[in-house]
Amino acid sequence: MIDLLYFAWVRERIGLPRERLATEARTVADLVEELRAREERYALAFADLSSLRVALDQELAEFDAPLEGVREVAFFPPMTGG
């Protein structure tokens, strides 16, 4: 089981702040494809991966990162600072 966390507009599009999921996905990209196939709201949230960032167990990662041993995946838009 993996805990999924959604932030900002990702949360708004999906309609959930978090959920727990049993998955066979090997990478973040595989997980995204699995989520996109669930419902249209997920497809909309994950339509443009260039506008998303991901963290695995609170460490920034790439979409080709493996999920083996990961307990938490967070999706969020890029942050700007000032």
PDB file of N, CA and C in Angstrom:
ATOM      1  N   MET A   1       0.839  -1.184   0.000  1.00  0.00           N
ATOM      2  CA  MET A   1       0.000   0.000   0.000  1.00  0.00           C
ATOM      3  C   MET A   1       0.887   1.252   0.000  1.00  0.00           C
ATOM      4  N   ILE A   2       0.462   2.215  -0.780  1.00  0.00           N
ATOM      5  CA  ILE A   2       1.168   3.489  -0.856  1.00  0.00           C
ATOM      6  C   ILE A   2       0.175   4.596  -0.500  1.00  0.00           C
ATOM      7  N   ASP A   3       0.635   5.547   0.300  1.00  0.00           N
ATOM      8  CA  ASP A   3      -0.156   6.732   0.589  1.00  0.00           C
ATOM      9  C   ASP A   3       0.113   7.759  -0.501  1.00  0.00           C
ATOM     10  N   LEU A   4      -0.953   8.280  -1.085  1.00  0.00           N
ATOM     11  CA  LEU A   4      -0.834   9.317  -2.108  1.00  0.00           C
ATOM     12  C   LEU A   4      -1.329  10.620  -1.514  1.00  0.00           C
ATOM     13  N   LEU A   5      -0.550  11.680  -1.695  1.00  0.00           N
ATOM     14  CA  LEU A   5      -0.913  13.008  -1.213  1.00  0.00           C
ATOM     15  C   LEU A   5      -1.023  13.943  -2.411  1.00  0.00           C
ATOM     16  N   TYR A   6      -2.069  14.759  -2.409  1.00  0.00           N
ATOM     17  CA  TYR A   6      -2.305  15.704  -3.506  1.00  0.00           C
ATOM     18  C   TYR A   6      -2.359  17.112  -2.933  1.00  0.00           C
ATOM     19  N   PHE A   7      -1.663  18.045  -3.585  1.00  0.00           N
ATOM     20  CA  PHE A   7      -1.600  19.422  -3.113  1.00  0.00           C
ATOM     21  C   PHE A   7      -2.056  20.403  -4.181  1.00  0.00           C
ATOM     22  N   ALA A   8      -2.538  21.559  -3.730  1.00  0.00           N
ATOM     23  CA  ALA A   8      -2.925  22.693  -4.575  1.00  0.00           C
ATOM     24  C   ALA A   8      -3.972  22.272  -5.608  1.00  0.00           C
ATOM     25  N   TRP A   9      -3.786  22.650  -6.877  1.00  0.00           N
ATOM     26  CA  TRP A   9      -4.799  22.361  -7.881  1.00  0.00           C
ATOM     27  C   TRP A   9      -4.919  20.874  -8.179  1.00  0.00           C
ATOM     28  N   VAL A  10      -3.901  20.081  -7.874  1.00  0.00           N
ATOM     29  CA  VAL A  10      -4.010  18.630  -8.049  1.00  0.00           C
ATOM     30  C   VAL A  10      -5.110  18.114  -7.114  1.00  0.00           C
ATOM     31  N   ARG A  11      -5.075  18.562  -5.875  1.00  0.00           N
ATOM     32  CA  ARG A  11      -6.100  18.193  -4.892  1.00  0.00           C
ATOM     33  C   ARG A  11      -7.480  18.654  -5.358  1.00  0.00           C
ATOM     34  N   GLU A  12      -7.560  19.864  -5.878  1.00  0.00           N
ATOM     35  CA  GLU A  12      -8.841  20.394  -6.335  1.00  0.00           C
ATOM     36  C   GLU A  12      -9.416  19.573  -7.485  1.00  0.00           C
ATOM     37  N   ARG A  13      -8.596  19.181  -8.429  1.00  0.00           N
ATOM     38  CA  ARG A  13      -9.086  18.407  -9.580  1.00  0.00           C
ATOM     39  C   ARG A  13      -9.501  16.998  -9.182  1.00  0.00           C
ATOM     40  N   ILE A  14      -8.740  16.378  -8.297  1.00  0.00           N
ATOM     41  CA  ILE A  14      -9.059  15.013  -7.886  1.00  0.00           C
ATOM     42  C   ILE A  14     -10.177  15.001  -6.843  1.00  0.00           C
ATOM     43  N   GLY A  15     -10.223  16.026  -6.012  1.00  0.00           N
ATOM     44  CA  GLY A  15     -11.265  16.114  -5.001  1.00  0.00           C
ATOM     45  C   GLY A  15     -10.918  15.430  -3.696  1.00  0.00           C
ATOM     46  N   LEU A  16      -9.655  15.061  -3.540  1.00  0.00           N
ATOM     47  CA  LEU A  16      -9.188  14.399  -2.317  1.00  0.00           C
ATOM     48  C   LEU A  16      -7.831  14.966  -1.912  1.00  0.00           C
ATOM     49  N   PRO A  17      -7.564  15.107  -0.619  1.00  0.00           N
ATOM     50  CA  PRO A  17      -6.233  15.519  -0.195  1.00  0.00           C
ATOM     51  C   PRO A  17      -5.254  14.346  -0.138  1.00  0.00           C
ATOM     52  N   ARG A  18      -5.811  13.137   0.065  1.00  0.00           N
ATOM     53  CA  ARG A  18      -4.953  11.945   0.178  1.00  0.00           C
ATOM     54  C   ARG A  18      -5.792  10.704  -0.015  1.00  0.00           C
ATOM     55  N   GLU A  19      -5.106   9.627  -0.340  1.00  0.00           N
ATOM     56  CA  GLU A  19      -5.754   8.319  -0.415  1.00  0.00           C
ATOM     57  C   GLU A  19      -4.690   7.245  -0.288  1.00  0.00           C
ATOM     58  N   ARG A  20      -5.126   6.052  -0.012  1.00  0.00           N
ATOM     59  CA  ARG A  20      -4.229   4.904   0.107  1.00  0.00           C
ATOM     60  C   ARG A  20      -4.543   3.962  -1.046  1.00  0.00           C
ATOM     61  N   LEU A  21      -3.498   3.435  -1.674  1.00  0.00           N
ATOM     62  CA  LEU A  21      -3.686   2.656  -2.890  1.00  0.00           C
ATOM     63  C   LEU A  21      -2.784   1.428  -2.901  1.00  0.00           C
ATOM     64  N   ALA A  22      -3.364   0.316  -3.275  1.00  0.00           N
ATOM     65  CA  ALA A  22      -2.567  -0.879  -3.567  1.00  0.00           C
ATOM     66  C   ALA A  22      -2.243  -0.807  -5.057  1.00  0.00           C
ATOM     67  N   THR A  23      -0.976  -0.919  -5.398  1.00  0.00           N
ATOM     68  CA  THR A  23      -0.573  -0.766  -6.796  1.00  0.00           C
ATOM     69  C   THR A  23       0.505  -1.769  -7.172  1.00  0.00           C
ATOM     70  N   GLU A  24       0.537  -2.090  -8.443  1.00  0.00           N
ATOM     71  CA  GLU A  24       1.590  -2.934  -9.015  1.00  0.00           C
ATOM     72  C   GLU A  24       2.612  -2.081  -9.766  1.00  0.00           C
ATOM     73  N   ALA A  25       2.429  -0.760  -9.746  1.00  0.00           N
ATOM     74  CA  ALA A  25       3.296   0.155 -10.493  1.00  0.00           C
ATOM     75  C   ALA A  25       4.746   0.023 -10.025  1.00  0.00           C
ATOM     76  N   ARG A  26       5.654   0.039 -10.990  1.00  0.00           N
ATOM     77  CA  ARG A  26       7.085  -0.058 -10.672  1.00  0.00           C
ATOM     78  C   ARG A  26       7.747   1.310 -10.557  1.00  0.00           C
ATOM     79  N   THR A  27       7.196   2.293 -11.277  1.00  0.00           N
ATOM     80  CA  THR A  27       7.762   3.646 -11.258  1.00  0.00           C
ATOM     81  C   THR A  27       6.637   4.652 -11.021  1.00  0.00           C
ATOM     82  N   VAL A  28       7.030   5.885 -10.767  1.00  0.00           N
ATOM     83  CA  VAL A  28       6.032   6.948 -10.609  1.00  0.00           C
ATOM     84  C   VAL A  28       5.223   7.084 -11.898  1.00  0.00           C
ATOM     85  N   ALA A  29       5.881   7.019 -13.037  1.00  0.00           N
ATOM     86  CA  ALA A  29       5.176   7.133 -14.322  1.00  0.00           C
ATOM     87  C   ALA A  29       4.137   6.030 -14.478  1.00  0.00           C
ATOM     88  N   ASP A  30       4.477   4.810 -14.072  1.00  0.00           N
ATOM     89  CA  ASP A  30       3.509   3.712 -14.118  1.00  0.00           C
ATOM     90  C   ASP A  30       2.314   4.009 -13.209  1.00  0.00           C
ATOM     91  N   LEU A  31       2.591   4.551 -12.036  1.00  0.00           N
ATOM     92  CA  LEU A  31       1.528   4.912 -11.092  1.00  0.00           C
ATOM     93  C   LEU A  31       0.611   5.975 -11.697  1.00  0.00           C
ATOM     94  N   VAL A  32       1.202   6.970 -12.335  1.00  0.00           N
ATOM     95  CA  VAL A  32       0.416   8.030 -12.970  1.00  0.00           C
ATOM     96  C   VAL A  32      -0.498   7.435 -14.042  1.00  0.00           C
ATOM     97  N   GLU A  33       0.025   6.528 -14.846  1.00  0.00           N
ATOM     98  CA  GLU A  33      -0.798   5.894 -15.886  1.00  0.00           C
ATOM     99  C   GLU A  33      -1.954   5.121 -15.252  1.00  0.00           C
ATOM    100  N   GLU A  34      -1.679   4.437 -14.170  1.00  0.00           N
ATOM    101  CA  GLU A  34      -2.717   3.704 -13.448  1.00  0.00           C
ATOM    102  C   GLU A  34      -3.796   4.663 -12.923  1.00  0.00           C
ATOM    103  N   LEU A  35      -3.363   5.780 -12.375  1.00  0.00           N
ATOM    104  CA  LEU A  35      -4.312   6.763 -11.854  1.00  0.00           C
ATOM    105  C   LEU A  35      -5.125   7.395 -12.982  1.00  0.00           C
ATOM    106  N   ARG A  36      -4.472   7.750 -14.077  1.00  0.00           N
ATOM    107  CA  ARG A  36      -5.171   8.353 -15.223  1.00  0.00           C
ATOM    108  C   ARG A  36      -6.310   7.456 -15.709  1.00  0.00           C
ATOM    109  N   ALA A  37      -6.093   6.155 -15.657  1.00  0.00           N
ATOM    110  CA  ALA A  37      -7.082   5.196 -16.164  1.00  0.00           C
ATOM    111  C   ALA A  37      -8.264   5.016 -15.214  1.00  0.00           C
ATOM    112  N   ARG A  38      -8.153   5.482 -13.983  1.00  0.00           N
ATOM    113  CA  ARG A  38      -9.219   5.284 -12.996  1.00  0.00           C
ATOM    114  C   ARG A  38     -10.488   6.056 -13.325  1.00  0.00           C
ATOM    115  N   GLU A  39     -10.333   7.371 -13.488  1.00  0.00           N
ATOM    116  CA  GLU A  39     -11.479   8.258 -13.709  1.00  0.00           C
ATOM    117  C   GLU A  39     -11.000   9.511 -14.434  1.00  0.00           C
ATOM    118  N   GLU A  40     -11.955  10.229 -14.994  1.00  0.00           N
ATOM    119  CA  GLU A  40     -11.614  11.437 -15.746  1.00  0.00           C
ATOM    120  C   GLU A  40     -10.938  12.480 -14.859  1.00  0.00           C
ATOM    121  N   ARG A  41     -11.341  12.587 -13.605  1.00  0.00           N
ATOM    122  CA  ARG A  41     -10.743  13.605 -12.730  1.00  0.00           C
ATOM    123  C   ARG A  41      -9.244  13.363 -12.555  1.00  0.00           C
ATOM    124  N   TYR A  42      -8.816  12.105 -12.512  1.00  0.00           N
ATOM    125  CA  TYR A  42      -7.390  11.798 -12.433  1.00  0.00           C
ATOM    126  C   TYR A  42      -6.710  12.103 -13.764  1.00  0.00           C
ATOM    127  N   ALA A  43      -7.383  11.763 -14.855  1.00  0.00           N
ATOM    128  CA  ALA A  43      -6.821  12.050 -16.179  1.00  0.00           C
ATOM    129  C   ALA A  43      -6.581  13.553 -16.334  1.00  0.00           C
ATOM    130  N   LEU A  44      -7.510  14.366 -15.848  1.00  0.00           N
ATOM    131  CA  LEU A  44      -7.343  15.816 -15.924  1.00  0.00           C
ATOM    132  C   LEU A  44      -6.209  16.300 -15.027  1.00  0.00           C
ATOM    133  N   ALA A  45      -6.121  15.752 -13.835  1.00  0.00           N
ATOM    134  CA  ALA A  45      -5.077  16.174 -12.894  1.00  0.00           C
ATOM    135  C   ALA A  45      -3.683  15.822 -13.402  1.00  0.00           C
ATOM    136  N   PHE A  46      -3.560  14.706 -14.104  1.00  0.00           N
ATOM    137  CA  PHE A  46      -2.255  14.237 -14.560  1.00  0.00           C
ATOM    138  C   PHE A  46      -2.068  14.375 -16.069  1.00  0.00           C
ATOM    139  N   ALA A  47      -2.811  15.287 -16.679  1.00  0.00           N
ATOM    140  CA  ALA A  47      -2.747  15.465 -18.133  1.00  0.00           C
ATOM    141  C   ALA A  47      -1.398  16.009 -18.599  1.00  0.00           C
ATOM    142  N   ASP A  48      -0.793  16.892 -17.820  1.00  0.00           N
ATOM    143  CA  ASP A  48       0.458  17.538 -18.234  1.00  0.00           C
ATOM    144  C   ASP A  48       1.496  17.367 -17.124  1.00  0.00           C
ATOM    145  N   LEU A  49       2.319  16.352 -17.245  1.00  0.00           N
ATOM    146  CA  LEU A  49       3.308  16.067 -16.200  1.00  0.00           C
ATOM    147  C   LEU A  49       4.372  17.146 -16.094  1.00  0.00           C
ATOM    148  N   SER A  50       4.534  17.962 -17.133  1.00  0.00           N
ATOM    149  CA  SER A  50       5.530  19.034 -17.042  1.00  0.00           C
ATOM    150  C   SER A  50       5.097  20.109 -16.041  1.00  0.00           C
ATOM    151  N   SER A  51       3.819  20.101 -15.675  1.00  0.00           N
ATOM    152  CA  SER A  51       3.332  21.075 -14.691  1.00  0.00           C
ATOM    153  C   SER A  51       3.197  20.454 -13.301  1.00  0.00           C
ATOM    154  N   LEU A  52       3.806  19.297 -13.101  1.00  0.00           N
ATOM    155  CA  LEU A  52       3.749  18.605 -11.809  1.00  0.00           C
ATOM    156  C   LEU A  52       5.126  18.262 -11.285  1.00  0.00           C
ATOM    157  N   ARG A  53       5.222  18.177  -9.991  1.00  0.00           N
ATOM    158  CA  ARG A  53       6.410  17.670  -9.310  1.00  0.00           C
ATOM    159  C   ARG A  53       5.964  16.506  -8.434  1.00  0.00           C
ATOM    160  N   VAL A  54       6.913  15.671  -8.075  1.00  0.00           N
ATOM    161  CA  VAL A  54       6.598  14.509  -7.246  1.00  0.00           C
ATOM    162  C   VAL A  54       7.665  14.360  -6.167  1.00  0.00           C
ATOM    163  N   ALA A  55       7.234  13.909  -5.013  1.00  0.00           N
ATOM    164  CA  ALA A  55       8.154  13.593  -3.920  1.00  0.00           C
ATOM    165  C   ALA A  55       7.847  12.181  -3.437  1.00  0.00           C
ATOM    166  N   LEU A  56       8.902  11.422  -3.211  1.00  0.00           N
ATOM    167  CA  LEU A  56       8.780  10.068  -2.678  1.00  0.00           C
ATOM    168  C   LEU A  56       9.328  10.077  -1.261  1.00  0.00           C
ATOM    169  N   ASP A  57       8.480   9.730  -0.319  1.00  0.00           N
ATOM    170  CA  ASP A  57       8.863   9.773   1.097  1.00  0.00           C
ATOM    171  C   ASP A  57       9.526  11.103   1.448  1.00  0.00           C
ATOM    172  N   GLN A  58       8.927  12.179   0.959  1.00  0.00           N
ATOM    173  CA  GLN A  58       9.306  13.566   1.227  1.00  0.00           C
ATOM    174  C   GLN A  58      10.632  13.995   0.608  1.00  0.00           C
ATOM    175  N   GLU A  59      11.066  13.286  -0.427  1.00  0.00           N
ATOM    176  CA  GLU A  59      12.264  13.664  -1.182  1.00  0.00           C
ATOM    177  C   GLU A  59      11.862  13.884  -2.639  1.00  0.00           C
ATOM    178  N   LEU A  60      12.240  15.027  -3.211  1.00  0.00           N
ATOM    179  CA  LEU A  60      11.920  15.278  -4.612  1.00  0.00           C
ATOM    180  C   LEU A  60      12.458  14.163  -5.493  1.00  0.00           C
ATOM    181  N   ALA A  61      11.670  13.797  -6.500  1.00  0.00           N
ATOM    182  CA  ALA A  61      12.043  12.689  -7.382  1.00  0.00           C
ATOM    183  C   ALA A  61      11.576  12.998  -8.799  1.00  0.00           C
ATOM    184  N   GLU A  62      12.001  12.158  -9.720  1.00  0.00           N
ATOM    185  CA  GLU A  62      11.580  12.248 -11.116  1.00  0.00           C
ATOM    186  C   GLU A  62      10.488  11.207 -11.361  1.00  0.00           C
ATOM    187  N   PHE A  63       9.786  11.360 -12.470  1.00  0.00           N
ATOM    188  CA  PHE A  63       8.698  10.446 -12.773  1.00  0.00           C
ATOM    189  C   PHE A  63       9.180   9.048 -13.172  1.00  0.00           C
ATOM    190  N   ASP A  64      10.459   8.899 -13.494  1.00  0.00           N
ATOM    191  CA  ASP A  64      10.978   7.569 -13.796  1.00  0.00           C
ATOM    192  C   ASP A  64      11.553   6.873 -12.557  1.00  0.00           C
ATOM    193  N   ALA A  65      11.392   7.480 -11.390  1.00  0.00           N
ATOM    194  CA  ALA A  65      11.920   6.912 -10.141  1.00  0.00           C
ATOM    195  C   ALA A  65      11.160   5.643  -9.764  1.00  0.00           C
ATOM    196  N   PRO A  66      11.886   4.650  -9.253  1.00  0.00           N
ATOM    197  CA  PRO A  66      11.229   3.402  -8.830  1.00  0.00           C
ATOM    198  C   PRO A  66      10.422   3.605  -7.549  1.00  0.00           C
ATOM    199  N   LEU A  67       9.364   2.805  -7.407  1.00  0.00           N
ATOM    200  CA  LEU A  67       8.496   2.886  -6.235  1.00  0.00           C
ATOM    201  C   LEU A  67       8.799   1.818  -5.183  1.00  0.00           C
ATOM    202  N   GLU A  68       9.711   0.932  -5.484  1.00  0.00           N
ATOM    203  CA  GLU A  68      10.020  -0.143  -4.539  1.00  0.00           C
ATOM    204  C   GLU A  68      10.430   0.428  -3.175  1.00  0.00           C
ATOM    205  N   GLY A  69       9.722   0.014  -2.134  1.00  0.00           N
ATOM    206  CA  GLY A  69      10.018   0.459  -0.783  1.00  0.00           C
ATOM    207  C   GLY A  69       9.443   1.813  -0.407  1.00  0.00           C
ATOM    208  N   VAL A  70       8.812   2.500  -1.348  1.00  0.00           N
ATOM    209  CA  VAL A  70       8.249   3.829  -1.098  1.00  0.00           C
ATOM    210  C   VAL A  70       6.930   3.683  -0.341  1.00  0.00           C
ATOM    211  N   ARG A  71       6.748   4.517   0.671  1.00  0.00           N
ATOM    212  CA  ARG A  71       5.507   4.498   1.451  1.00  0.00           C
ATOM    213  C   ARG A  71       4.581   5.657   1.119  1.00  0.00           C
ATOM    214  N   GLU A  72       5.151   6.774   0.622  1.00  0.00           N
ATOM    215  CA  GLU A  72       4.348   7.970   0.380  1.00  0.00           C
ATOM    216  C   GLU A  72       4.773   8.638  -0.918  1.00  0.00           C
ATOM    217  N   VAL A  73       3.780   8.976  -1.742  1.00  0.00           N
ATOM    218  CA  VAL A  73       4.011   9.703  -2.983  1.00  0.00           C
ATOM    219  C   VAL A  73       3.171  10.976  -2.928  1.00  0.00           C
ATOM    220  N   ALA A  74       3.816  12.114  -3.126  1.00  0.00           N
ATOM    221  CA  ALA A  74       3.114  13.397  -3.105  1.00  0.00           C
ATOM    222  C   ALA A  74       3.216  14.052  -4.472  1.00  0.00           C
ATOM    223  N   PHE A  75       2.093  14.570  -4.953  1.00  0.00           N
ATOM    224  CA  PHE A  75       2.038  15.275  -6.226  1.00  0.00           C
ATOM    225  C   PHE A  75       1.664  16.727  -5.961  1.00  0.00           C
ATOM    226  N   PHE A  76       2.384  17.659  -6.607  1.00  0.00           N
ATOM    227  CA  PHE A  76       2.140  19.077  -6.378  1.00  0.00           C
ATOM    228  C   PHE A  76       2.675  19.880  -7.564  1.00  0.00           C
ATOM    229  N   PRO A  77       2.145  21.089  -7.751  1.00  0.00           N
ATOM    230  CA  PRO A  77       2.668  21.930  -8.838  1.00  0.00           C
ATOM    231  C   PRO A  77       4.018  22.509  -8.444  1.00  0.00           C
ATOM    232  N   PRO A  78       4.800  22.963  -9.425  1.00  0.00           N
ATOM    233  CA  PRO A  78       6.073  23.608  -9.100  1.00  0.00           C
ATOM    234  C   PRO A  78       5.835  24.804  -8.193  1.00  0.00           C
ATOM    235  N   MET A  79       6.761  25.022  -7.316  1.00  0.00           N
ATOM    236  CA  MET A  79       6.628  26.140  -6.379  1.00  0.00           C
ATOM    237  C   MET A  79       7.512  27.292  -6.840  1.00  0.00           C
ATOM    238  N   THR A  80       7.001  28.465  -6.673  1.00  0.00           N
ATOM    239  CA  THR A  80       7.804  29.647  -6.946  1.00  0.00           C
ATOM    240  C   THR A  80       8.095  30.302  -5.613  1.00  0.00           C
ATOM    241  N   GLY A  81       9.191  30.938  -5.538  1.00  0.00           N
ATOM    242  CA  GLY A  81       9.570  31.554  -4.262  1.00  0.00           C
ATOM    243  C   GLY A  81       9.880  33.023  -4.428  1.00  0.00           C
ATOM    244  N   GLY A  82      10.062  33.603  -3.314  1.00  0.00           N
ATOM    245  CA  GLY A  82      10.398  35.010  -3.361  1.00  0.00           C
ATOM    246  C   GLY A  82      10.926  35.436  -2.014  1.00  0.00           C
TER     247      GLY A  82
END
